[in-house]
Amino acid sequence: MKQAQITLYGTPPSGHAHRVELLLRMLELPYSYVEAPAAVRNTAEFLRLNPLGQIPVLTDGELILCDSAAIMVYLVKKYAPNSTWLPEEAVAAAQVQRWLAIAAGEVRYGPALARAITHFGYRGDLSIAREIAHTLLSFMNAHLTGSRFLALNQPTLADLACYSYIAHASEGGISLAEYPQVRAWLAEVEALPHFKPMQALPLA
C-alpha cells in the first residue's frame, strides 16, 4: 500500500514542532515541512487545519492531526507499532506517559515559557517560569543518575517530547551547569541516528 504524503506545519524555533520532526526523521518517514509563523496561523486556510491556530499540525493524506504528543503517538502506532518508542507493556507505557505529561506541564511552563517570554513577548512571570524550570531540572538530574534515557533503557517518545526545550533552556536564561546528568542525557539524544538540532535563538 502506498504511503500517504505527510506534511508537518511548524516553525524552526518551535520545540513542539521540533519534537515531531525528530520522530519523523528517526522513523525515516518522508515528509514535507511547511513553515507556519504567526501570520500564516491567522489565515483562514490554516485555521481550517487547526481552529486554535497552533502548531504543530500534521497531515497524512486526508488525516489532520494537532498537538505534538497526539501526533507522535499516531506516527508510532501507524508506522512503527512494534518499536520501543511507545511500548505496549503496562508499566513501560505508563512511564512514557508520565514524561509526556511532564512535557505538557513542567517543561511547557518552565523552560519553554521562559524562552517564549524572553524572545517572543509571551505573557507570564519569568521568575516563576525559571523557578519551575530549576525544580524540574533538579528532579530530572536525580532521576537520570545511572540512566541514559528518561523512561526506559532505550529512547522513547518521552525523550523526544522533553528534549527540545530542555536543550534550549539557556535561551530563557536557565543554566544547565548544575545538572550534569541532564547534560549527559541531552548528549544521548543528540547521538541518536537522524538527529537534527532545533534552530537556536540568542542566549538570554
N, C-alpha and C. Protein backbone atom coordinates (compact mmCIF):
# COMPACT_ATOMS: atom_id res chain seq x y z
N MET A 1 0.85 -1.19 0.00
CA MET A 1 0.00 0.00 0.00
C MET A 1 0.89 1.24 0.00
N LYS A 2 0.60 2.18 -0.86
CA LYS A 2 1.40 3.39 -0.98
C LYS A 2 1.19 4.28 0.25
N GLN A 3 2.29 4.76 0.81
CA GLN A 3 2.21 5.60 1.98
C GLN A 3 1.71 6.98 1.60
N ALA A 4 0.75 7.51 2.36
CA ALA A 4 0.24 8.85 2.11
C ALA A 4 1.32 9.89 2.39
N GLN A 5 1.23 10.99 1.69
CA GLN A 5 2.19 12.07 1.89
C GLN A 5 1.97 12.73 3.25
N ILE A 6 3.03 12.87 4.01
CA ILE A 6 2.97 13.51 5.32
C ILE A 6 3.50 14.94 5.19
N THR A 7 2.77 15.87 5.77
CA THR A 7 3.20 17.27 5.82
C THR A 7 3.16 17.75 7.26
N LEU A 8 4.24 18.39 7.68
CA LEU A 8 4.33 18.95 9.02
C LEU A 8 4.34 20.47 8.92
N TYR A 9 3.43 21.11 9.63
CA TYR A 9 3.38 22.57 9.70
C TYR A 9 4.00 22.99 11.04
N GLY A 10 5.00 23.86 10.96
CA GLY A 10 5.66 24.29 12.18
C GLY A 10 6.53 25.50 11.90
N THR A 11 7.39 25.83 12.84
CA THR A 11 8.42 26.85 12.64
C THR A 11 9.72 26.31 13.22
N PRO A 12 10.86 26.69 12.64
CA PRO A 12 12.14 26.14 13.11
C PRO A 12 12.43 26.37 14.59
N PRO A 13 12.00 27.49 15.22
CA PRO A 13 12.30 27.64 16.65
C PRO A 13 11.30 26.97 17.59
N SER A 14 10.28 26.30 17.05
CA SER A 14 9.24 25.70 17.89
C SER A 14 9.68 24.33 18.40
N GLY A 15 9.78 24.20 19.72
CA GLY A 15 10.11 22.90 20.29
C GLY A 15 9.01 21.88 20.09
N HIS A 16 7.76 22.34 20.07
CA HIS A 16 6.65 21.42 19.84
C HIS A 16 6.72 20.82 18.44
N ALA A 17 7.06 21.65 17.45
CA ALA A 17 7.22 21.13 16.09
C ALA A 17 8.50 20.31 15.97
N HIS A 18 9.55 20.73 16.67
CA HIS A 18 10.83 20.04 16.57
C HIS A 18 10.74 18.61 17.07
N ARG A 19 10.00 18.38 18.16
CA ARG A 19 9.90 17.01 18.68
C ARG A 19 9.22 16.09 17.67
N VAL A 20 8.24 16.61 16.94
CA VAL A 20 7.58 15.81 15.89
C VAL A 20 8.55 15.55 14.75
N GLU A 21 9.29 16.59 14.36
CA GLU A 21 10.25 16.41 13.26
C GLU A 21 11.33 15.40 13.63
N LEU A 22 11.78 15.42 14.88
CA LEU A 22 12.76 14.42 15.31
C LEU A 22 12.21 13.01 15.11
N LEU A 23 10.96 12.79 15.51
CA LEU A 23 10.39 11.46 15.38
C LEU A 23 10.23 11.07 13.91
N LEU A 24 9.77 11.98 13.08
CA LEU A 24 9.66 11.69 11.65
C LEU A 24 11.01 11.26 11.08
N ARG A 25 12.06 11.96 11.45
CA ARG A 25 13.39 11.64 10.95
C ARG A 25 13.86 10.29 11.49
N MET A 26 13.60 10.02 12.77
CA MET A 26 14.09 8.78 13.37
C MET A 26 13.30 7.57 12.90
N LEU A 27 12.06 7.79 12.48
CA LEU A 27 11.29 6.70 11.87
C LEU A 27 11.56 6.60 10.37
N GLU A 28 12.37 7.52 9.85
CA GLU A 28 12.74 7.56 8.43
C GLU A 28 11.49 7.65 7.55
N LEU A 29 10.57 8.50 7.95
CA LEU A 29 9.35 8.72 7.18
C LEU A 29 9.54 9.95 6.28
N PRO A 30 9.26 9.85 5.01
CA PRO A 30 9.34 11.03 4.15
C PRO A 30 8.24 12.03 4.50
N TYR A 31 8.60 13.29 4.51
CA TYR A 31 7.63 14.32 4.86
C TYR A 31 8.04 15.64 4.23
N SER A 32 7.09 16.52 4.10
CA SER A 32 7.39 17.89 3.70
C SER A 32 7.14 18.80 4.89
N TYR A 33 7.86 19.91 4.94
CA TYR A 33 7.78 20.84 6.06
C TYR A 33 7.28 22.17 5.53
N VAL A 34 6.20 22.66 6.12
CA VAL A 34 5.64 23.95 5.75
C VAL A 34 5.80 24.89 6.93
N GLU A 35 6.53 25.97 6.72
CA GLU A 35 6.69 26.94 7.81
C GLU A 35 5.40 27.70 8.02
N ALA A 36 4.98 27.78 9.28
CA ALA A 36 3.72 28.43 9.63
C ALA A 36 3.93 29.41 10.77
N PRO A 37 4.54 30.55 10.49
CA PRO A 37 4.68 31.59 11.51
C PRO A 37 3.33 32.19 11.85
N ALA A 38 3.33 33.14 12.77
CA ALA A 38 2.07 33.69 13.28
C ALA A 38 1.16 34.21 12.17
N ALA A 39 1.74 34.87 11.18
CA ALA A 39 0.92 35.42 10.11
C ALA A 39 0.19 34.33 9.34
N VAL A 40 0.83 33.21 9.15
CA VAL A 40 0.20 32.08 8.45
C VAL A 40 -0.87 31.44 9.33
N ARG A 41 -0.58 31.33 10.62
CA ARG A 41 -1.51 30.67 11.54
C ARG A 41 -2.82 31.44 11.72
N ASN A 42 -2.83 32.71 11.32
CA ASN A 42 -4.04 33.52 11.41
C ASN A 42 -4.88 33.51 10.15
N THR A 43 -4.41 32.78 9.13
CA THR A 43 -5.16 32.74 7.87
C THR A 43 -6.30 31.74 7.95
N ALA A 44 -7.32 31.97 7.13
CA ALA A 44 -8.47 31.07 7.10
C ALA A 44 -8.03 29.67 6.68
N GLU A 45 -7.05 29.58 5.78
CA GLU A 45 -6.59 28.28 5.31
C GLU A 45 -6.00 27.46 6.45
N PHE A 46 -5.16 28.10 7.26
CA PHE A 46 -4.56 27.36 8.37
C PHE A 46 -5.60 27.05 9.45
N LEU A 47 -6.49 27.97 9.71
CA LEU A 47 -7.49 27.75 10.75
C LEU A 47 -8.45 26.63 10.40
N ARG A 48 -8.52 26.29 9.12
CA ARG A 48 -9.29 25.10 8.75
C ARG A 48 -8.57 23.83 9.19
N LEU A 49 -7.24 23.90 9.26
CA LEU A 49 -6.47 22.76 9.74
C LEU A 49 -6.53 22.67 11.26
N ASN A 50 -6.35 23.80 11.93
CA ASN A 50 -6.41 23.85 13.39
C ASN A 50 -7.11 25.13 13.81
N PRO A 51 -8.37 25.06 14.20
CA PRO A 51 -9.12 26.25 14.59
C PRO A 51 -8.48 27.02 15.75
N LEU A 52 -7.60 26.37 16.52
CA LEU A 52 -6.91 27.05 17.61
C LEU A 52 -5.72 27.87 17.11
N GLY A 53 -5.35 27.71 15.85
CA GLY A 53 -4.25 28.48 15.28
C GLY A 53 -2.89 28.13 15.84
N GLN A 54 -2.72 26.87 16.27
CA GLN A 54 -1.48 26.45 16.90
C GLN A 54 -0.71 25.47 16.02
N ILE A 55 0.61 25.45 16.24
CA ILE A 55 1.47 24.44 15.63
C ILE A 55 1.99 23.53 16.75
N PRO A 56 2.37 22.30 16.35
CA PRO A 56 2.40 21.73 15.01
C PRO A 56 1.04 21.19 14.57
N VAL A 57 0.92 21.10 13.25
CA VAL A 57 -0.18 20.36 12.62
C VAL A 57 0.46 19.37 11.67
N LEU A 58 -0.04 18.17 11.64
CA LEU A 58 0.44 17.15 10.71
C LEU A 58 -0.71 16.66 9.87
N THR A 59 -0.50 16.59 8.57
CA THR A 59 -1.48 15.96 7.69
C THR A 59 -0.86 14.71 7.10
N ASP A 60 -1.65 13.68 7.01
CA ASP A 60 -1.22 12.41 6.44
C ASP A 60 -2.35 11.96 5.52
N GLY A 61 -2.22 12.30 4.25
CA GLY A 61 -3.35 12.09 3.35
C GLY A 61 -4.49 13.01 3.74
N GLU A 62 -5.65 12.44 4.00
CA GLU A 62 -6.82 13.23 4.39
C GLU A 62 -6.86 13.50 5.89
N LEU A 63 -6.00 12.82 6.65
CA LEU A 63 -6.00 12.97 8.10
C LEU A 63 -5.31 14.26 8.52
N ILE A 64 -5.93 14.98 9.46
CA ILE A 64 -5.35 16.19 10.04
C ILE A 64 -5.22 15.97 11.54
N LEU A 65 -4.01 16.15 12.07
CA LEU A 65 -3.77 15.96 13.49
C LEU A 65 -3.10 17.19 14.08
N CYS A 66 -3.52 17.58 15.27
CA CYS A 66 -2.92 18.67 16.02
C CYS A 66 -2.43 18.14 17.36
N ASP A 67 -1.54 18.90 18.00
CA ASP A 67 -0.94 18.57 19.29
C ASP A 67 0.24 17.62 19.09
N SER A 68 1.40 18.04 19.56
CA SER A 68 2.61 17.27 19.30
C SER A 68 2.57 15.87 19.90
N ALA A 69 2.05 15.73 21.12
CA ALA A 69 2.00 14.40 21.73
C ALA A 69 1.07 13.48 20.96
N ALA A 70 -0.09 13.99 20.58
CA ALA A 70 -1.04 13.18 19.80
C ALA A 70 -0.43 12.77 18.47
N ILE A 71 0.28 13.69 17.83
CA ILE A 71 0.90 13.39 16.54
C ILE A 71 1.95 12.30 16.70
N MET A 72 2.77 12.40 17.74
CA MET A 72 3.82 11.40 17.93
C MET A 72 3.23 10.02 18.22
N VAL A 73 2.20 9.97 19.05
CA VAL A 73 1.55 8.69 19.32
C VAL A 73 1.00 8.10 18.03
N TYR A 74 0.37 8.92 17.21
CA TYR A 74 -0.17 8.44 15.93
C TYR A 74 0.94 7.87 15.04
N LEU A 75 2.02 8.61 14.90
CA LEU A 75 3.09 8.17 14.00
C LEU A 75 3.66 6.82 14.42
N VAL A 76 3.86 6.64 15.71
CA VAL A 76 4.40 5.36 16.17
C VAL A 76 3.38 4.24 15.97
N LYS A 77 2.14 4.47 16.36
CA LYS A 77 1.11 3.45 16.22
C LYS A 77 0.88 3.09 14.76
N LYS A 78 0.97 4.08 13.88
CA LYS A 78 0.70 3.85 12.45
C LYS A 78 1.90 3.24 11.73
N TYR A 79 3.08 3.76 12.00
CA TYR A 79 4.22 3.40 11.16
C TYR A 79 5.31 2.59 11.86
N ALA A 80 5.27 2.50 13.18
CA ALA A 80 6.28 1.71 13.90
C ALA A 80 5.65 1.04 15.11
N PRO A 81 4.58 0.26 14.90
CA PRO A 81 3.82 -0.28 16.03
C PRO A 81 4.60 -1.27 16.90
N ASN A 82 5.65 -1.86 16.36
CA ASN A 82 6.42 -2.84 17.12
C ASN A 82 7.73 -2.26 17.67
N SER A 83 7.86 -0.94 17.59
CA SER A 83 9.09 -0.32 18.07
C SER A 83 8.99 -0.06 19.57
N THR A 84 10.12 0.37 20.13
CA THR A 84 10.14 0.69 21.57
C THR A 84 9.85 2.16 21.83
N TRP A 85 9.55 2.93 20.81
CA TRP A 85 9.25 4.34 21.02
C TRP A 85 8.04 4.53 21.93
N LEU A 86 7.06 3.64 21.80
CA LEU A 86 5.87 3.70 22.65
C LEU A 86 5.49 2.26 22.99
N PRO A 87 6.04 1.72 24.08
CA PRO A 87 5.85 0.30 24.39
C PRO A 87 4.41 -0.02 24.77
N GLU A 88 4.05 -1.31 24.58
CA GLU A 88 2.71 -1.77 24.92
C GLU A 88 2.60 -2.26 26.36
N GLU A 89 3.69 -2.75 26.91
CA GLU A 89 3.66 -3.29 28.27
C GLU A 89 3.21 -2.20 29.24
N ALA A 90 2.38 -2.58 30.21
CA ALA A 90 1.65 -1.60 31.03
C ALA A 90 2.57 -0.64 31.78
N VAL A 91 3.55 -1.15 32.49
CA VAL A 91 4.41 -0.28 33.29
C VAL A 91 5.26 0.61 32.40
N ALA A 92 5.82 0.03 31.35
CA ALA A 92 6.65 0.81 30.43
C ALA A 92 5.82 1.90 29.75
N ALA A 93 4.61 1.58 29.34
CA ALA A 93 3.74 2.58 28.71
C ALA A 93 3.41 3.70 29.68
N ALA A 94 3.19 3.34 30.95
CA ALA A 94 2.89 4.35 31.96
C ALA A 94 4.08 5.27 32.20
N GLN A 95 5.29 4.70 32.18
CA GLN A 95 6.49 5.52 32.37
C GLN A 95 6.64 6.54 31.25
N VAL A 96 6.38 6.12 30.03
CA VAL A 96 6.44 7.05 28.90
C VAL A 96 5.37 8.13 29.05
N GLN A 97 4.16 7.71 29.40
CA GLN A 97 3.07 8.67 29.53
C GLN A 97 3.36 9.70 30.62
N ARG A 98 4.02 9.27 31.67
CA ARG A 98 4.38 10.22 32.74
C ARG A 98 5.20 11.37 32.19
N TRP A 99 6.16 11.05 31.32
CA TRP A 99 7.03 12.09 30.78
C TRP A 99 6.34 12.91 29.71
N LEU A 100 5.39 12.32 29.00
CA LEU A 100 4.59 13.14 28.08
C LEU A 100 3.79 14.17 28.86
N ALA A 101 3.29 13.77 30.04
CA ALA A 101 2.58 14.71 30.89
C ALA A 101 3.52 15.79 31.42
N ILE A 102 4.73 15.41 31.80
CA ILE A 102 5.71 16.40 32.26
C ILE A 102 6.07 17.37 31.14
N ALA A 103 6.18 16.86 29.92
CA ALA A 103 6.46 17.74 28.78
C ALA A 103 5.37 18.78 28.59
N ALA A 104 4.12 18.37 28.82
CA ALA A 104 2.98 19.28 28.69
C ALA A 104 2.79 20.15 29.92
N GLY A 105 3.43 19.80 31.02
CA GLY A 105 3.29 20.55 32.26
C GLY A 105 4.53 21.32 32.61
N GLU A 106 5.42 20.70 33.35
CA GLU A 106 6.61 21.40 33.86
C GLU A 106 7.52 21.92 32.76
N VAL A 107 7.70 21.14 31.69
CA VAL A 107 8.55 21.63 30.59
C VAL A 107 7.89 22.83 29.92
N ARG A 108 6.61 22.72 29.66
CA ARG A 108 5.88 23.81 29.00
C ARG A 108 5.88 25.08 29.82
N TYR A 109 5.64 24.96 31.13
CA TYR A 109 5.50 26.14 31.97
C TYR A 109 6.81 26.54 32.66
N GLY A 110 7.87 25.79 32.39
CA GLY A 110 9.18 26.11 32.90
C GLY A 110 10.09 26.64 31.80
N PRO A 111 10.98 25.81 31.26
CA PRO A 111 11.94 26.30 30.27
C PRO A 111 11.29 26.80 28.98
N ALA A 112 10.21 26.19 28.54
CA ALA A 112 9.57 26.64 27.30
C ALA A 112 8.97 28.03 27.47
N LEU A 113 8.29 28.24 28.59
CA LEU A 113 7.67 29.55 28.81
C LEU A 113 8.72 30.62 29.05
N ALA A 114 9.78 30.31 29.78
CA ALA A 114 10.84 31.29 29.99
C ALA A 114 11.44 31.73 28.66
N ARG A 115 11.63 30.79 27.78
CA ARG A 115 12.16 31.10 26.43
C ARG A 115 11.17 31.94 25.65
N ALA A 116 9.89 31.60 25.74
CA ALA A 116 8.86 32.33 24.99
C ALA A 116 8.69 33.75 25.50
N ILE A 117 8.77 33.93 26.83
CA ILE A 117 8.69 35.27 27.40
C ILE A 117 9.88 36.11 26.95
N THR A 118 11.05 35.50 26.99
CA THR A 118 12.29 36.21 26.68
C THR A 118 12.36 36.64 25.22
N HIS A 119 11.93 35.77 24.32
CA HIS A 119 12.17 36.02 22.89
C HIS A 119 10.91 36.37 22.09
N PHE A 120 9.76 35.98 22.56
CA PHE A 120 8.55 36.16 21.75
C PHE A 120 7.48 37.02 22.42
N GLY A 121 7.82 37.60 23.54
CA GLY A 121 6.90 38.50 24.19
C GLY A 121 5.68 37.86 24.80
N TYR A 122 5.76 36.57 25.13
CA TYR A 122 4.63 35.89 25.77
C TYR A 122 4.37 36.50 27.14
N ARG A 123 3.11 36.50 27.54
CA ARG A 123 2.77 36.95 28.88
C ARG A 123 3.14 35.87 29.89
N GLY A 124 3.53 36.30 31.06
CA GLY A 124 3.88 35.36 32.11
C GLY A 124 4.92 35.94 33.04
N ASP A 125 5.11 35.28 34.15
CA ASP A 125 6.10 35.70 35.14
C ASP A 125 7.39 34.94 34.88
N LEU A 126 8.39 35.64 34.41
CA LEU A 126 9.65 35.00 34.04
C LEU A 126 10.32 34.34 35.24
N SER A 127 10.26 34.97 36.38
CA SER A 127 10.91 34.40 37.57
C SER A 127 10.24 33.09 37.98
N ILE A 128 8.91 33.02 37.87
CA ILE A 128 8.21 31.78 38.21
C ILE A 128 8.54 30.70 37.20
N ALA A 129 8.60 31.05 35.92
CA ALA A 129 8.93 30.07 34.89
C ALA A 129 10.33 29.50 35.13
N ARG A 130 11.25 30.35 35.49
CA ARG A 130 12.62 29.87 35.77
C ARG A 130 12.66 29.01 37.02
N GLU A 131 11.86 29.36 38.02
CA GLU A 131 11.80 28.54 39.24
C GLU A 131 11.25 27.16 38.92
N ILE A 132 10.19 27.11 38.13
CA ILE A 132 9.63 25.81 37.71
C ILE A 132 10.69 25.01 36.96
N ALA A 133 11.42 25.68 36.09
CA ALA A 133 12.46 25.00 35.31
C ALA A 133 13.52 24.39 36.20
N HIS A 134 13.99 25.13 37.18
CA HIS A 134 15.06 24.60 38.03
C HIS A 134 14.54 23.47 38.93
N THR A 135 13.30 23.55 39.36
CA THR A 135 12.72 22.43 40.12
C THR A 135 12.67 21.18 39.24
N LEU A 136 12.24 21.35 38.01
CA LEU A 136 12.19 20.23 37.06
C LEU A 136 13.58 19.68 36.79
N LEU A 137 14.53 20.55 36.53
CA LEU A 137 15.88 20.11 36.21
C LEU A 137 16.53 19.37 37.37
N SER A 138 16.27 19.81 38.58
CA SER A 138 16.80 19.09 39.75
C SER A 138 16.20 17.69 39.83
N PHE A 139 14.91 17.60 39.58
CA PHE A 139 14.25 16.29 39.58
C PHE A 139 14.80 15.40 38.47
N MET A 140 14.93 15.95 37.27
CA MET A 140 15.46 15.17 36.15
C MET A 140 16.88 14.72 36.41
N ASN A 141 17.69 15.60 36.98
CA ASN A 141 19.10 15.26 37.23
C ASN A 141 19.21 14.07 38.18
N ALA A 142 18.38 14.07 39.23
CA ALA A 142 18.38 12.94 40.16
C ALA A 142 17.82 11.69 39.49
N HIS A 143 16.76 11.86 38.71
CA HIS A 143 16.12 10.72 38.05
C HIS A 143 17.08 10.05 37.07
N LEU A 144 17.90 10.84 36.40
CA LEU A 144 18.78 10.31 35.35
C LEU A 144 20.08 9.72 35.89
N THR A 145 20.30 9.81 37.19
CA THR A 145 21.51 9.22 37.75
C THR A 145 21.50 7.71 37.50
N GLY A 146 22.46 7.25 36.73
CA GLY A 146 22.52 5.84 36.39
C GLY A 146 21.64 5.44 35.22
N SER A 147 20.99 6.40 34.58
CA SER A 147 20.10 6.09 33.44
C SER A 147 20.50 6.93 32.23
N ARG A 148 20.40 6.34 31.07
CA ARG A 148 20.73 7.07 29.85
C ARG A 148 19.52 7.84 29.31
N PHE A 149 18.33 7.30 29.56
CA PHE A 149 17.12 7.89 28.99
C PHE A 149 16.06 8.04 30.08
N LEU A 150 15.00 8.77 29.78
CA LEU A 150 14.05 9.17 30.80
C LEU A 150 13.15 8.06 31.29
N ALA A 151 12.54 7.30 30.37
CA ALA A 151 11.52 6.34 30.78
C ALA A 151 12.05 4.92 30.88
N LEU A 152 12.81 4.49 29.89
CA LEU A 152 13.29 3.11 29.82
C LEU A 152 14.79 3.11 29.55
N ASN A 153 15.33 1.95 29.27
CA ASN A 153 16.76 1.84 28.99
C ASN A 153 17.09 2.12 27.54
N GLN A 154 16.10 2.53 26.77
CA GLN A 154 16.29 2.92 25.38
C GLN A 154 15.44 4.16 25.12
N PRO A 155 15.73 4.88 24.04
CA PRO A 155 14.96 6.09 23.77
C PRO A 155 13.50 5.79 23.50
N THR A 156 12.64 6.66 23.98
CA THR A 156 11.19 6.57 23.76
C THR A 156 10.66 7.95 23.42
N LEU A 157 9.36 8.03 23.22
CA LEU A 157 8.73 9.33 22.98
C LEU A 157 8.98 10.29 24.14
N ALA A 158 9.19 9.74 25.33
CA ALA A 158 9.47 10.59 26.49
C ALA A 158 10.66 11.49 26.25
N ASP A 159 11.72 10.94 25.68
CA ASP A 159 12.94 11.70 25.45
C ASP A 159 12.75 12.77 24.39
N LEU A 160 12.06 12.43 23.30
CA LEU A 160 11.84 13.41 22.24
C LEU A 160 10.91 14.52 22.71
N ALA A 161 9.91 14.17 23.52
CA ALA A 161 8.95 15.17 23.98
C ALA A 161 9.60 16.20 24.89
N CYS A 162 10.58 15.79 25.66
CA CYS A 162 11.20 16.68 26.64
C CYS A 162 12.47 17.36 26.12
N TYR A 163 13.09 16.81 25.09
CA TYR A 163 14.41 17.25 24.69
C TYR A 163 14.49 18.73 24.29
N SER A 164 13.67 19.16 23.36
CA SER A 164 13.91 20.42 22.65
C SER A 164 13.99 21.62 23.58
N TYR A 165 13.02 21.78 24.46
CA TYR A 165 13.02 22.95 25.34
C TYR A 165 14.06 22.84 26.46
N ILE A 166 14.36 21.62 26.89
CA ILE A 166 15.44 21.46 27.87
C ILE A 166 16.78 21.83 27.24
N ALA A 167 17.00 21.37 26.02
CA ALA A 167 18.26 21.64 25.33
C ALA A 167 18.46 23.14 25.11
N HIS A 168 17.38 23.89 24.98
CA HIS A 168 17.46 25.32 24.71
C HIS A 168 17.06 26.15 25.92
N ALA A 169 17.18 25.58 27.11
CA ALA A 169 16.80 26.29 28.33
C ALA A 169 17.59 27.58 28.51
N SER A 170 18.84 27.59 28.07
CA SER A 170 19.68 28.78 28.25
C SER A 170 19.11 29.98 27.51
N GLU A 171 18.30 29.74 26.48
CA GLU A 171 17.70 30.85 25.73
C GLU A 171 16.61 31.55 26.55
N GLY A 172 16.21 30.94 27.65
CA GLY A 172 15.31 31.58 28.59
C GLY A 172 16.02 31.99 29.86
N GLY A 173 17.35 32.01 29.82
CA GLY A 173 18.13 32.43 30.97
C GLY A 173 18.29 31.36 32.03
N ILE A 174 18.19 30.10 31.63
CA ILE A 174 18.27 28.98 32.58
C ILE A 174 19.53 28.18 32.29
N SER A 175 20.45 28.17 33.22
CA SER A 175 21.71 27.45 33.02
C SER A 175 21.55 25.97 33.36
N LEU A 176 22.22 25.14 32.58
CA LEU A 176 22.26 23.70 32.85
C LEU A 176 23.55 23.29 33.54
N ALA A 177 24.34 24.26 33.96
CA ALA A 177 25.66 23.96 34.52
C ALA A 177 25.58 23.05 35.74
N GLU A 178 24.53 23.19 36.54
CA GLU A 178 24.43 22.42 37.78
C GLU A 178 23.79 21.05 37.57
N TYR A 179 23.53 20.68 36.33
CA TYR A 179 22.77 19.46 36.07
C TYR A 179 23.53 18.55 35.11
N PRO A 180 24.61 17.91 35.57
CA PRO A 180 25.44 17.09 34.67
C PRO A 180 24.70 15.90 34.09
N GLN A 181 23.81 15.29 34.84
CA GLN A 181 23.08 14.14 34.30
C GLN A 181 22.12 14.56 33.20
N VAL A 182 21.55 15.74 33.33
CA VAL A 182 20.68 16.26 32.28
C VAL A 182 21.50 16.52 31.02
N ARG A 183 22.67 17.10 31.17
CA ARG A 183 23.52 17.36 30.02
C ARG A 183 23.95 16.06 29.35
N ALA A 184 24.23 15.03 30.14
CA ALA A 184 24.60 13.73 29.56
C ALA A 184 23.43 13.14 28.79
N TRP A 185 22.22 13.30 29.32
CA TRP A 185 21.03 12.81 28.62
C TRP A 185 20.82 13.54 27.30
N LEU A 186 21.01 14.86 27.31
CA LEU A 186 20.89 15.61 26.06
C LEU A 186 21.87 15.07 25.02
N ALA A 187 23.08 14.76 25.44
CA ALA A 187 24.08 14.22 24.51
C ALA A 187 23.64 12.86 23.97
N GLU A 188 22.99 12.05 24.78
CA GLU A 188 22.48 10.75 24.32
C GLU A 188 21.44 10.95 23.22
N VAL A 189 20.53 11.89 23.42
CA VAL A 189 19.51 12.16 22.40
C VAL A 189 20.16 12.68 21.13
N GLU A 190 21.12 13.57 21.28
CA GLU A 190 21.79 14.15 20.12
C GLU A 190 22.62 13.14 19.34
N ALA A 191 22.96 12.02 19.97
CA ALA A 191 23.74 10.97 19.30
C ALA A 191 22.85 9.98 18.56
N LEU A 192 21.54 10.11 18.68
CA LEU A 192 20.64 9.17 18.00
C LEU A 192 20.71 9.36 16.49
N PRO A 193 20.53 8.29 15.72
CA PRO A 193 20.55 8.41 14.26
C PRO A 193 19.49 9.39 13.77
N HIS A 194 19.88 10.19 12.79
CA HIS A 194 19.00 11.15 12.10
C HIS A 194 18.63 12.35 12.97
N PHE A 195 19.35 12.54 14.08
CA PHE A 195 19.07 13.71 14.92
C PHE A 195 19.29 15.00 14.13
N LYS A 196 18.45 15.99 14.40
CA LYS A 196 18.57 17.31 13.80
C LYS A 196 18.38 18.35 14.90
N PRO A 197 19.30 19.28 15.08
CA PRO A 197 19.14 20.28 16.14
C PRO A 197 18.02 21.26 15.81
N MET A 198 17.47 21.85 16.87
CA MET A 198 16.47 22.89 16.70
C MET A 198 17.17 24.23 16.47
N GLN A 199 16.52 25.10 15.75
CA GLN A 199 17.09 26.43 15.50
C GLN A 199 17.33 27.15 16.81
N ALA A 200 18.54 27.67 16.95
CA ALA A 200 18.91 28.37 18.16
C ALA A 200 18.47 29.82 18.13
N LEU A 201 18.20 30.37 19.31
CA LEU A 201 17.91 31.78 19.50
C LEU A 201 19.03 32.39 20.33
N PRO A 202 19.15 33.73 20.36
CA PRO A 202 20.20 34.33 21.19
C PRO A 202 20.01 33.97 22.66
N LEU A 203 21.10 33.82 23.36
CA LEU A 203 21.04 33.48 24.78
C LEU A 203 20.47 34.66 25.56
N ALA A 204 19.67 34.32 26.58
CA ALA A 204 19.06 35.39 27.39
C ALA A 204 20.12 36.03 28.27
